[in-house]
Amino acid sequence: MTPENELEAAVRRVAHELDLWSEDILTNAERQAEYRRRHLVDATDPSEMMTRMTMMVSASAKWTLERLATHHGVSQRKVLERGAG
């Protein structure tokens, strides 16, 4: 048995003993999906509804967004919302 396998076996053994090993443990993707679901608001008021936005922008646009957010002491999301609102 290689040292890596021995270490993995030891971790599993300790986890079982501490009752930490379970099939209920979420993968990173599942944890991320749960986080996104929790942070999306299903509101009747459209101004409170959130949606996910993924896009590619130029590096200079990203740096400008970062500078504006830092300068005004707000999040990049706030800068976008103020500019688009």
Foldseek 3Di string as FASTA:
>chain_A
DDPVVVVVVVVVVVCVVVVNDDPPDDDPVVVVVVVVVVPADPDPDVVRGDDDDDDDDDPVVVVVLVVVCVVVVHDSVVVVVVVVD
